Amino acid sequence: MSITESPSFFDDLEKMTVRELLDNINKEDQTIYTAVKKVIPQIENLVIRIIEKMRKGGRLFYIGAGTSGRLGILDASEIPPTFGVPYNLVIGLIAGGDAAIRKAVESAEDNYEQAWEDLKNYDIDRGDVVVGIAASGRTPYVVGGVRKARSEGILTACITCNPDSDVAKEVDIPIEAIVGPEFVTGSTRMKSGTAQKLILNMITTSTMIKLGHVKGNKMVDMQLTNQKLINRGTRMIMEELGYDAKTARKLLLQYGSVRRVIYSARKKKEKDNK
């Protein structure tokens, strides 16, 4: 039996008080960070390779089913507004298509060939990277997808929560975060899902920083899609350049990004100093 399907360390959950349930879930969650820390060398290897690919025009693809697929789509969808990059740079694919984001599509994950068909719709090639996300490590949609991608010379990796899994054997860079049995037996949306989310955050955030989309600790390329982000950008400019709020906001809306405001101000300063 796989670790993710092993019986919970806790029994008679229905007899626990709400406080006992919450305390015990929290206790189990504390094991996640240790599990993720152990696989940082593998994550580092993957991030370095992704950066190399993206600098040459490559893309990052996530493939997964169920919770794993949704986590990949979540991470991919947040990258453009956060870092100002195109929506086709990080792409999340889920077994069953977009309909499966909200509602499970019966048997969609059992097809070994479908992931590759989905990837081909994006004209995937050797310049890209494919990361299979599967808590169990044996999801056919994911296993088949990374196997075919690797056979085509595409760099592959996986994020799984079982050791020596089927998917890990099919990729170049296996990332195995072993978080142990779930609080509710087999419910991998819990500890396994949290570990996967942490790793996805680490992969894309580190990649975007090294590609130059963060200055200091600020998202200077973020898209100004709502008032909260406009206000955040205004504060960034005020802190960086010492402008008052009215001036900073006006320039932000004029130039469209924090980076362009800062660049313009510095160019002007260099010109004035000559």
C-alpha atoms as a PDB file:
ATOM      1  CA  MET A   1       0.000   0.000   0.000  1.00  0.00           C
ATOM      2  CA  SER A   2       1.274   3.489  -0.879  1.00  0.00           C
ATOM      3  CA  ILE A   3       1.994   5.935   1.917  1.00  0.00           C
ATOM      4  CA  THR A   4      -0.671   8.368   0.691  1.00  0.00           C
ATOM      5  CA  GLU A   5      -3.267   5.584   1.003  1.00  0.00           C
ATOM      6  CA  SER A   6      -2.044   4.285   4.365  1.00  0.00           C
ATOM      7  CA  PRO A   7      -4.390   4.491   7.373  1.00  0.00           C
ATOM      8  CA  SER A   8      -4.416   7.748   9.297  1.00  0.00           C
ATOM      9  CA  PHE A   9      -2.541   7.898  12.587  1.00  0.00           C
ATOM     10  CA  PHE A  10      -5.844   9.011  14.097  1.00  0.00           C
ATOM     11  CA  ASP A  11      -9.066   7.040  14.474  1.00  0.00           C
ATOM     12  CA  ASP A  12     -12.654   7.744  15.551  1.00  0.00           C
ATOM     13  CA  LEU A  13     -12.442  11.203  14.018  1.00  0.00           C
ATOM     14  CA  GLU A  14     -16.197  11.655  14.329  1.00  0.00           C
ATOM     15  CA  LYS A  15     -15.898  11.369  18.122  1.00  0.00           C
ATOM     16  CA  MET A  16     -13.433  14.244  18.393  1.00  0.00           C
ATOM     17  CA  THR A  17     -14.496  17.728  19.367  1.00  0.00           C
ATOM     18  CA  VAL A  18     -14.041  20.488  16.803  1.00  0.00           C
ATOM     19  CA  ARG A  19     -11.023  21.755  18.751  1.00  0.00           C
ATOM     20  CA  GLU A  20      -9.474  18.282  18.806  1.00  0.00           C
ATOM     21  CA  LEU A  21      -9.971  17.954  15.054  1.00  0.00           C
ATOM     22  CA  LEU A  22      -8.354  21.307  14.391  1.00  0.00           C
ATOM     23  CA  ASP A  23      -5.433  20.697  16.749  1.00  0.00           C
ATOM     24  CA  ASN A  24      -4.739  17.281  15.247  1.00  0.00           C
ATOM     25  CA  ILE A  25      -4.959  18.516  11.650  1.00  0.00           C
ATOM     26  CA  ASN A  26      -2.526  21.287  12.574  1.00  0.00           C
ATOM     27  CA  LYS A  27      -0.221  18.777  14.245  1.00  0.00           C
ATOM     28  CA  GLU A  28      -0.118  16.710  11.063  1.00  0.00           C
ATOM     29  CA  ASP A  29       0.428  19.786   8.896  1.00  0.00           C
ATOM     30  CA  GLN A  30       3.627  20.549  10.791  1.00  0.00           C
ATOM     31  CA  THR A  31       5.266  17.529   9.143  1.00  0.00           C
ATOM     32  CA  ILE A  32       4.859  19.057   5.669  1.00  0.00           C
ATOM     33  CA  TYR A  33       7.631  21.630   5.932  1.00  0.00           C
ATOM     34  CA  THR A  34      10.231  19.046   6.913  1.00  0.00           C
ATOM     35  CA  ALA A  35       9.227  16.866   3.969  1.00  0.00           C
ATOM     36  CA  VAL A  36       9.525  19.779   1.540  1.00  0.00           C
ATOM     37  CA  LYS A  37      12.865  20.884   2.983  1.00  0.00           C
ATOM     38  CA  LYS A  38      14.334  17.450   2.230  1.00  0.00           C
ATOM     39  CA  VAL A  39      13.632  17.825  -1.500  1.00  0.00           C
ATOM     40  CA  ILE A  40      15.029  21.354  -1.932  1.00  0.00           C
ATOM     41  CA  PRO A  41      18.094  20.014  -3.832  1.00  0.00           C
ATOM     42  CA  GLN A  42      15.790  18.422  -6.414  1.00  0.00           C
ATOM     43  CA  ILE A  43      13.676  21.577  -6.621  1.00  0.00           C
ATOM     44  CA  GLU A  44      16.853  23.635  -7.091  1.00  0.00           C
ATOM     45  CA  ASN A  45      17.962  21.413  -9.958  1.00  0.00           C
ATOM     46  CA  LEU A  46      14.592  21.802 -11.659  1.00  0.00           C
ATOM     47  CA  VAL A  47      14.450  25.583 -11.204  1.00  0.00           C
ATOM     48  CA  ILE A  48      17.924  26.026 -12.681  1.00  0.00           C
ATOM     49  CA  ARG A  49      16.918  23.982 -15.721  1.00  0.00           C
ATOM     50  CA  ILE A  50      13.616  25.872 -16.131  1.00  0.00           C
ATOM     51  CA  ILE A  51      15.441  29.199 -16.043  1.00  0.00           C
ATOM     52  CA  GLU A  52      17.825  27.986 -18.743  1.00  0.00           C
ATOM     53  CA  LYS A  53      14.907  26.898 -20.926  1.00  0.00           C
ATOM     54  CA  MET A  54      12.866  30.067 -20.407  1.00  0.00           C
ATOM     55  CA  ARG A  55      15.802  32.311 -21.251  1.00  0.00           C
ATOM     56  CA  LYS A  56      15.792  30.617 -24.643  1.00  0.00           C
ATOM     57  CA  GLY A  57      12.035  31.021 -25.116  1.00  0.00           C
ATOM     58  CA  GLY A  58      10.856  27.818 -23.439  1.00  0.00           C
ATOM     59  CA  ARG A  59       7.685  27.271 -21.432  1.00  0.00           C
ATOM     60  CA  LEU A  60       6.694  25.353 -18.302  1.00  0.00           C
ATOM     61  CA  PHE A  61       3.793  22.898 -18.454  1.00  0.00           C
ATOM     62  CA  TYR A  62       2.048  21.288 -15.484  1.00  0.00           C
ATOM     63  CA  ILE A  63      -0.051  18.165 -15.994  1.00  0.00           C
ATOM     64  CA  GLY A  64      -2.232  16.610 -13.302  1.00  0.00           C
ATOM     65  CA  ALA A  65      -5.617  15.193 -12.384  1.00  0.00           C
ATOM     66  CA  GLY A  66      -8.058  16.156  -9.643  1.00  0.00           C
ATOM     67  CA  THR A  67      -6.545  18.214  -6.836  1.00  0.00           C
ATOM     68  CA  SER A  68      -3.064  17.952  -8.352  1.00  0.00           C
ATOM     69  CA  GLY A  69      -4.285  19.272 -11.685  1.00  0.00           C
ATOM     70  CA  ARG A  70      -6.145  22.139 -10.025  1.00  0.00           C
ATOM     71  CA  LEU A  71      -3.060  23.129  -8.053  1.00  0.00           C
ATOM     72  CA  GLY A  72      -1.033  23.299 -11.257  1.00  0.00           C
ATOM     73  CA  ILE A  73      -3.660  25.467 -12.926  1.00  0.00           C
ATOM     74  CA  LEU A  74      -3.823  27.717  -9.860  1.00  0.00           C
ATOM     75  CA  ASP A  75      -0.087  28.287  -9.863  1.00  0.00           C
ATOM     76  CA  ALA A  76       0.052  28.842 -13.615  1.00  0.00           C
ATOM     77  CA  SER A  77      -2.851  31.299 -13.588  1.00  0.00           C
ATOM     78  CA  GLU A  78      -1.264  33.480 -10.909  1.00  0.00           C
ATOM     79  CA  ILE A  79       2.061  34.004 -12.676  1.00  0.00           C
ATOM     80  CA  PRO A  80       1.000  36.547 -15.372  1.00  0.00           C
ATOM     81  CA  PRO A  81      -0.728  39.042 -13.033  1.00  0.00           C
ATOM     82  CA  THR A  82       1.959  38.669 -10.373  1.00  0.00           C
ATOM     83  CA  PHE A  83       5.015  38.971 -12.603  1.00  0.00           C
ATOM     84  CA  GLY A  84       3.693  40.568 -15.790  1.00  0.00           C
ATOM     85  CA  VAL A  85       4.617  37.668 -18.080  1.00  0.00           C
ATOM     86  CA  PRO A  86       2.509  36.217 -20.922  1.00  0.00           C
ATOM     87  CA  TYR A  87      -0.224  33.709 -20.102  1.00  0.00           C
ATOM     88  CA  ASN A  88       1.442  31.098 -22.299  1.00  0.00           C
ATOM     89  CA  LEU A  89       4.679  30.990 -20.298  1.00  0.00           C
ATOM     90  CA  VAL A  90       3.398  28.699 -17.516  1.00  0.00           C
ATOM     91  CA  ILE A  91       0.511  26.448 -18.577  1.00  0.00           C
ATOM     92  CA  GLY A  92      -1.525  24.139 -16.370  1.00  0.00           C
ATOM     93  CA  LEU A  93      -3.375  21.175 -17.892  1.00  0.00           C
ATOM     94  CA  ILE A  94      -5.866  18.960 -16.059  1.00  0.00           C
ATOM     95  CA  ALA A  95      -7.270  15.553 -16.995  1.00  0.00           C
ATOM     96  CA  GLY A  96     -10.769  16.118 -18.341  1.00  0.00           C
ATOM     97  CA  GLY A  97     -10.082  19.660 -19.541  1.00  0.00           C
ATOM     98  CA  ASP A  98     -11.358  22.917 -18.104  1.00  0.00           C
ATOM     99  CA  ALA A  99     -14.637  21.305 -17.010  1.00  0.00           C
ATOM    100  CA  ALA A 100     -12.642  19.256 -14.493  1.00  0.00           C
ATOM    101  CA  ILE A 101     -11.446  22.379 -12.687  1.00  0.00           C
ATOM    102  CA  ARG A 102     -14.780  22.675 -10.898  1.00  0.00           C
ATOM    103  CA  LYS A 103     -16.234  19.189 -11.204  1.00  0.00           C
ATOM    104  CA  ALA A 104     -14.632  15.755 -11.436  1.00  0.00           C
ATOM    105  CA  VAL A 105     -14.741  14.229 -14.914  1.00  0.00           C
ATOM    106  CA  GLU A 106     -15.288  10.483 -14.649  1.00  0.00           C
ATOM    107  CA  SER A 107     -12.321   8.301 -15.706  1.00  0.00           C
ATOM    108  CA  ALA A 108     -10.459  11.259 -17.259  1.00  0.00           C
ATOM    109  CA  GLU A 109      -7.302  10.500 -15.301  1.00  0.00           C
ATOM    110  CA  ASP A 110      -7.208   6.855 -16.452  1.00  0.00           C
ATOM    111  CA  ASN A 111      -6.105   7.638 -20.020  1.00  0.00           C
ATOM    112  CA  TYR A 112      -2.342   7.223 -20.553  1.00  0.00           C
ATOM    113  CA  GLU A 113      -2.363   8.970 -23.938  1.00  0.00           C
ATOM    114  CA  GLN A 114      -4.543  12.023 -23.297  1.00  0.00           C
ATOM    115  CA  ALA A 115      -1.960  14.236 -21.585  1.00  0.00           C
ATOM    116  CA  TRP A 116       0.325  14.072 -24.600  1.00  0.00           C
ATOM    117  CA  GLU A 117      -2.599  14.925 -26.889  1.00  0.00           C
ATOM    118  CA  ASP A 118      -3.337  17.920 -24.655  1.00  0.00           C
ATOM    119  CA  LEU A 119       0.307  19.003 -24.740  1.00  0.00           C
ATOM    120  CA  LYS A 120       0.464  18.729 -28.527  1.00  0.00           C
ATOM    121  CA  ASN A 121      -2.300  21.338 -28.749  1.00  0.00           C
ATOM    122  CA  TYR A 122       0.342  23.816 -27.543  1.00  0.00           C
ATOM    123  CA  ASP A 123       2.998  22.735 -30.062  1.00  0.00           C
ATOM    124  CA  ILE A 124       5.240  21.551 -27.244  1.00  0.00           C
ATOM    125  CA  ASP A 125       8.877  20.921 -28.163  1.00  0.00           C
ATOM    126  CA  ARG A 126      12.310  20.271 -26.674  1.00  0.00           C
ATOM    127  CA  GLY A 127      12.629  23.855 -25.521  1.00  0.00           C
ATOM    128  CA  ASP A 128       9.859  23.330 -22.968  1.00  0.00           C
ATOM    129  CA  VAL A 129       9.581  21.622 -19.569  1.00  0.00           C
ATOM    130  CA  VAL A 130       6.836  19.270 -18.362  1.00  0.00           C
ATOM    131  CA  VAL A 131       6.143  18.731 -14.652  1.00  0.00           C
ATOM    132  CA  GLY A 132       3.741  15.950 -13.718  1.00  0.00           C
ATOM    133  CA  ILE A 133       1.863  16.470 -10.455  1.00  0.00           C
ATOM    134  CA  ALA A 134       0.471  13.325  -8.815  1.00  0.00           C
ATOM    135  CA  ALA A 135       0.262  12.760  -5.066  1.00  0.00           C
ATOM    136  CA  SER A 136      -0.066   9.003  -5.552  1.00  0.00           C
ATOM    137  CA  GLY A 137       2.589   8.912  -8.254  1.00  0.00           C
ATOM    138  CA  ARG A 138       0.598   6.498 -10.381  1.00  0.00           C
ATOM    139  CA  THR A 139      -2.059   8.599 -12.142  1.00  0.00           C
ATOM    140  CA  PRO A 140      -2.159   7.272 -15.752  1.00  0.00           C
ATOM    141  CA  TYR A 141      -2.800  10.712 -17.278  1.00  0.00           C
ATOM    142  CA  VAL A 142       0.380  12.023 -15.626  1.00  0.00           C
ATOM    143  CA  VAL A 143       2.543   8.929 -15.998  1.00  0.00           C
ATOM    144  CA  GLY A 144       1.718   8.608 -19.689  1.00  0.00           C
ATOM    145  CA  GLY A 145       2.238  12.315 -20.290  1.00  0.00           C
ATOM    146  CA  VAL A 146       5.713  12.585 -18.784  1.00  0.00           C
ATOM    147  CA  ARG A 147       6.780   9.257 -20.322  1.00  0.00           C
ATOM    148  CA  LYS A 148       5.917  10.446 -23.816  1.00  0.00           C
ATOM    149  CA  ALA A 149       7.355  13.910 -23.248  1.00  0.00           C
ATOM    150  CA  ARG A 150      10.657  12.464 -22.078  1.00  0.00           C
ATOM    151  CA  SER A 151      10.793  10.116 -25.049  1.00  0.00           C
ATOM    152  CA  GLU A 152      10.512  13.213 -27.260  1.00  0.00           C
ATOM    153  CA  GLY A 153      13.560  14.766 -25.626  1.00  0.00           C
ATOM    154  CA  ILE A 154      11.620  17.170 -23.402  1.00  0.00           C
ATOM    155  CA  LEU A 155      12.890  17.866 -19.873  1.00  0.00           C
ATOM    156  CA  THR A 156      10.506  16.274 -17.373  1.00  0.00           C
ATOM    157  CA  ALA A 157       9.989  16.363 -13.608  1.00  0.00           C
ATOM    158  CA  CYS A 158       7.331  15.260 -11.152  1.00  0.00           C
ATOM    159  CA  ILE A 159       5.944  16.246  -7.772  1.00  0.00           C
ATOM    160  CA  THR A 160       4.677  13.256  -5.828  1.00  0.00           C
ATOM    161  CA  CYS A 161       4.189  12.194  -2.220  1.00  0.00           C
ATOM    162  CA  ASN A 162       5.072   8.508  -2.503  1.00  0.00           C
ATOM    163  CA  PRO A 163       8.597   7.067  -2.783  1.00  0.00           C
ATOM    164  CA  ASP A 164       9.698   5.041  -5.799  1.00  0.00           C
ATOM    165  CA  SER A 165       6.460   5.759  -7.654  1.00  0.00           C
ATOM    166  CA  ASP A 166       5.589   5.020 -11.270  1.00  0.00           C
ATOM    167  CA  VAL A 167       5.785   8.683 -12.263  1.00  0.00           C
ATOM    168  CA  ALA A 168       9.180   9.192 -10.586  1.00  0.00           C
ATOM    169  CA  LYS A 169      10.639   6.424 -12.740  1.00  0.00           C
ATOM    170  CA  GLU A 170       9.532   8.206 -15.917  1.00  0.00           C
ATOM    171  CA  VAL A 171      11.059  11.661 -15.350  1.00  0.00           C
ATOM    172  CA  ASP A 172      14.460  13.345 -15.369  1.00  0.00           C
ATOM    173  CA  ILE A 173      13.978  15.108 -12.027  1.00  0.00           C
ATOM    174  CA  PRO A 174      11.737  13.357  -9.469  1.00  0.00           C
ATOM    175  CA  ILE A 175      10.602  15.441  -6.489  1.00  0.00           C
ATOM    176  CA  GLU A 176       9.193  13.155  -3.797  1.00  0.00           C
ATOM    177  CA  ALA A 177       7.850  15.000  -0.741  1.00  0.00           C
ATOM    178  CA  ILE A 178       6.914  12.208   1.670  1.00  0.00           C
ATOM    179  CA  VAL A 179       4.433  13.746   4.090  1.00  0.00           C
ATOM    180  CA  GLY A 180       3.047  10.473   5.467  1.00  0.00           C
ATOM    181  CA  PRO A 181      -0.544   9.259   5.842  1.00  0.00           C
ATOM    182  CA  GLU A 182      -3.309  11.835   5.606  1.00  0.00           C
ATOM    183  CA  PHE A 183      -5.400  12.875   8.627  1.00  0.00           C
ATOM    184  CA  VAL A 184      -8.418  11.512   6.771  1.00  0.00           C
ATOM    185  CA  THR A 185      -7.124   8.321   5.171  1.00  0.00           C
ATOM    186  CA  GLY A 186      -6.376   8.843   1.484  1.00  0.00           C
ATOM    187  CA  SER A 187      -7.508  12.481   1.360  1.00  0.00           C
ATOM    188  CA  THR A 188      -4.518  13.839  -0.550  1.00  0.00           C
ATOM    189  CA  ARG A 189      -6.094  17.280  -0.837  1.00  0.00           C
ATOM    190  CA  MET A 190      -4.745  17.771   2.688  1.00  0.00           C
ATOM    191  CA  LYS A 191      -1.035  17.267   3.500  1.00  0.00           C
ATOM    192  CA  SER A 192      -0.051  16.084   0.033  1.00  0.00           C
ATOM    193  CA  GLY A 193      -1.869  18.964  -1.623  1.00  0.00           C
ATOM    194  CA  THR A 194      -0.284  21.478   0.718  1.00  0.00           C
ATOM    195  CA  ALA A 195       3.188  20.081   0.003  1.00  0.00           C
ATOM    196  CA  GLN A 196       2.546  20.280  -3.733  1.00  0.00           C
ATOM    197  CA  LYS A 197       1.350  23.880  -3.431  1.00  0.00           C
ATOM    198  CA  LEU A 198       4.461  24.855  -1.477  1.00  0.00           C
ATOM    199  CA  ILE A 199       6.729  23.278  -4.078  1.00  0.00           C
ATOM    200  CA  LEU A 200       4.888  24.907  -6.979  1.00  0.00           C
ATOM    201  CA  ASN A 201       5.233  28.282  -5.246  1.00  0.00           C
ATOM    202  CA  MET A 202       8.951  27.691  -4.825  1.00  0.00           C
ATOM    203  CA  ILE A 203       9.460  26.682  -8.449  1.00  0.00           C
ATOM    204  CA  THR A 204       7.720  29.582 -10.155  1.00  0.00           C
ATOM    205  CA  THR A 205       8.582  32.300  -7.638  1.00  0.00           C
ATOM    206  CA  SER A 206      12.298  31.450  -7.733  1.00  0.00           C
ATOM    207  CA  THR A 207      12.202  31.250 -11.518  1.00  0.00           C
ATOM    208  CA  MET A 208      10.482  34.613 -11.925  1.00  0.00           C
ATOM    209  CA  ILE A 209      12.894  36.291  -9.503  1.00  0.00           C
ATOM    210  CA  LYS A 210      15.935  34.995 -11.378  1.00  0.00           C
ATOM    211  CA  LEU A 211      14.371  36.061 -14.695  1.00  0.00           C
ATOM    212  CA  GLY A 212      14.295  39.616 -13.381  1.00  0.00           C
ATOM    213  CA  HIS A 213      10.630  40.159 -12.541  1.00  0.00           C
ATOM    214  CA  VAL A 214      11.312  41.175  -8.920  1.00  0.00           C
ATOM    215  CA  LYS A 215      13.376  44.138  -7.770  1.00  0.00           C
ATOM    216  CA  GLY A 216      14.515  44.065  -4.157  1.00  0.00           C
ATOM    217  CA  ASN A 217      11.472  42.279  -2.816  1.00  0.00           C
ATOM    218  CA  LYS A 218       8.843  43.934  -4.976  1.00  0.00           C
ATOM    219  CA  MET A 219       6.751  42.702  -7.932  1.00  0.00           C
ATOM    220  CA  VAL A 220       7.738  45.507 -10.270  1.00  0.00           C
ATOM    221  CA  ASP A 221       6.130  43.886 -13.332  1.00  0.00           C
ATOM    222  CA  MET A 222       2.742  43.021 -11.800  1.00  0.00           C
ATOM    223  CA  GLN A 223      -0.331  43.759 -13.899  1.00  0.00           C
ATOM    224  CA  LEU A 224      -2.477  46.677 -12.715  1.00  0.00           C
ATOM    225  CA  THR A 225      -5.757  44.776 -12.890  1.00  0.00           C
ATOM    226  CA  ASN A 226      -7.525  46.281  -9.861  1.00  0.00           C
ATOM    227  CA  GLN A 227      -7.378  49.123  -7.358  1.00  0.00           C
ATOM    228  CA  LYS A 228      -5.542  47.041  -4.771  1.00  0.00           C
ATOM    229  CA  LEU A 229      -2.673  46.448  -7.190  1.00  0.00           C
ATOM    230  CA  ILE A 230      -2.661  50.068  -8.335  1.00  0.00           C
ATOM    231  CA  ASN A 231      -2.393  51.133  -4.691  1.00  0.00           C
ATOM    232  CA  ARG A 232       0.384  48.602  -4.104  1.00  0.00           C
ATOM    233  CA  GLY A 233       2.269  49.869  -7.136  1.00  0.00           C
ATOM    234  CA  THR A 234       1.839  53.441  -5.969  1.00  0.00           C
ATOM    235  CA  ARG A 235       3.403  52.573  -2.611  1.00  0.00           C
ATOM    236  CA  MET A 236       6.310  50.835  -4.334  1.00  0.00           C
ATOM    237  CA  ILE A 237       7.088  53.943  -6.358  1.00  0.00           C
ATOM    238  CA  MET A 238       6.778  56.182  -3.313  1.00  0.00           C
ATOM    239  CA  GLU A 239       9.211  53.993  -1.379  1.00  0.00           C
ATOM    240  CA  GLU A 240      11.666  53.628  -4.255  1.00  0.00           C
ATOM    241  CA  LEU A 241      11.692  57.194  -5.584  1.00  0.00           C
ATOM    242  CA  GLY A 242      10.387  59.293  -2.706  1.00  0.00           C
ATOM    243  CA  TYR A 243       7.428  60.710  -4.649  1.00  0.00           C
ATOM    244  CA  ASP A 244       4.188  61.751  -3.001  1.00  0.00           C
ATOM    245  CA  ALA A 245       1.160  59.505  -3.493  1.00  0.00           C
ATOM    246  CA  LYS A 246      -0.510  61.667  -6.136  1.00  0.00           C
ATOM    247  CA  THR A 247       2.606  61.864  -8.312  1.00  0.00           C
ATOM    248  CA  ALA A 248       3.418  58.185  -7.885  1.00  0.00           C
ATOM    249  CA  ARG A 249      -0.087  57.091  -8.859  1.00  0.00           C
ATOM    250  CA  LYS A 250      -0.190  59.403 -11.875  1.00  0.00           C
ATOM    251  CA  LEU A 251       3.120  58.080 -13.183  1.00  0.00           C
ATOM    252  CA  LEU A 252       2.118  54.461 -12.544  1.00  0.00           C
ATOM    253  CA  LEU A 253      -1.039  54.835 -14.614  1.00  0.00           C
ATOM    254  CA  GLN A 254       0.875  56.719 -17.288  1.00  0.00           C
ATOM    255  CA  TYR A 255       3.661  54.151 -17.696  1.00  0.00           C
ATOM    256  CA  GLY A 256       1.666  51.029 -16.856  1.00  0.00           C
ATOM    257  CA  SER A 257       4.135  49.339 -14.509  1.00  0.00           C
ATOM    258  CA  VAL A 258       6.344  50.057 -11.519  1.00  0.00           C
ATOM    259  CA  ARG A 259       9.417  48.980 -13.468  1.00  0.00           C
ATOM    260  CA  ARG A 260       8.833  51.497 -16.266  1.00  0.00           C
ATOM    261  CA  VAL A 261       8.291  54.349 -13.813  1.00  0.00           C
ATOM    262  CA  ILE A 262      11.522  53.568 -11.975  1.00  0.00           C
ATOM    263  CA  TYR A 263      13.450  53.131 -15.220  1.00  0.00           C
ATOM    264  CA  SER A 264      12.165  56.445 -16.596  1.00  0.00           C
ATOM    265  CA  ALA A 265      12.974  58.302 -13.381  1.00  0.00           C
ATOM    266  CA  ARG A 266      16.504  56.964 -13.290  1.00  0.00           C
ATOM    267  CA  LYS A 267      17.135  57.758 -16.939  1.00  0.00           C
ATOM    268  CA  LYS A 268      15.951  61.300 -16.314  1.00  0.00           C
ATOM    269  CA  LYS A 269      18.221  61.587 -13.290  1.00  0.00           C
ATOM    270  CA  GLU A 270      21.214  60.333 -15.272  1.00  0.00           C
ATOM    271  CA  LYS A 271      20.464  62.846 -18.022  1.00  0.00           C
ATOM    272  CA  ASP A 272      20.125  65.704 -15.542  1.00  0.00           C
ATOM    273  CA  ASN A 273      23.457  64.785 -13.909  1.00  0.00           C
ATOM    274  CA  LYS A 274      25.371  64.960 -17.190  1.00  0.00           C
END
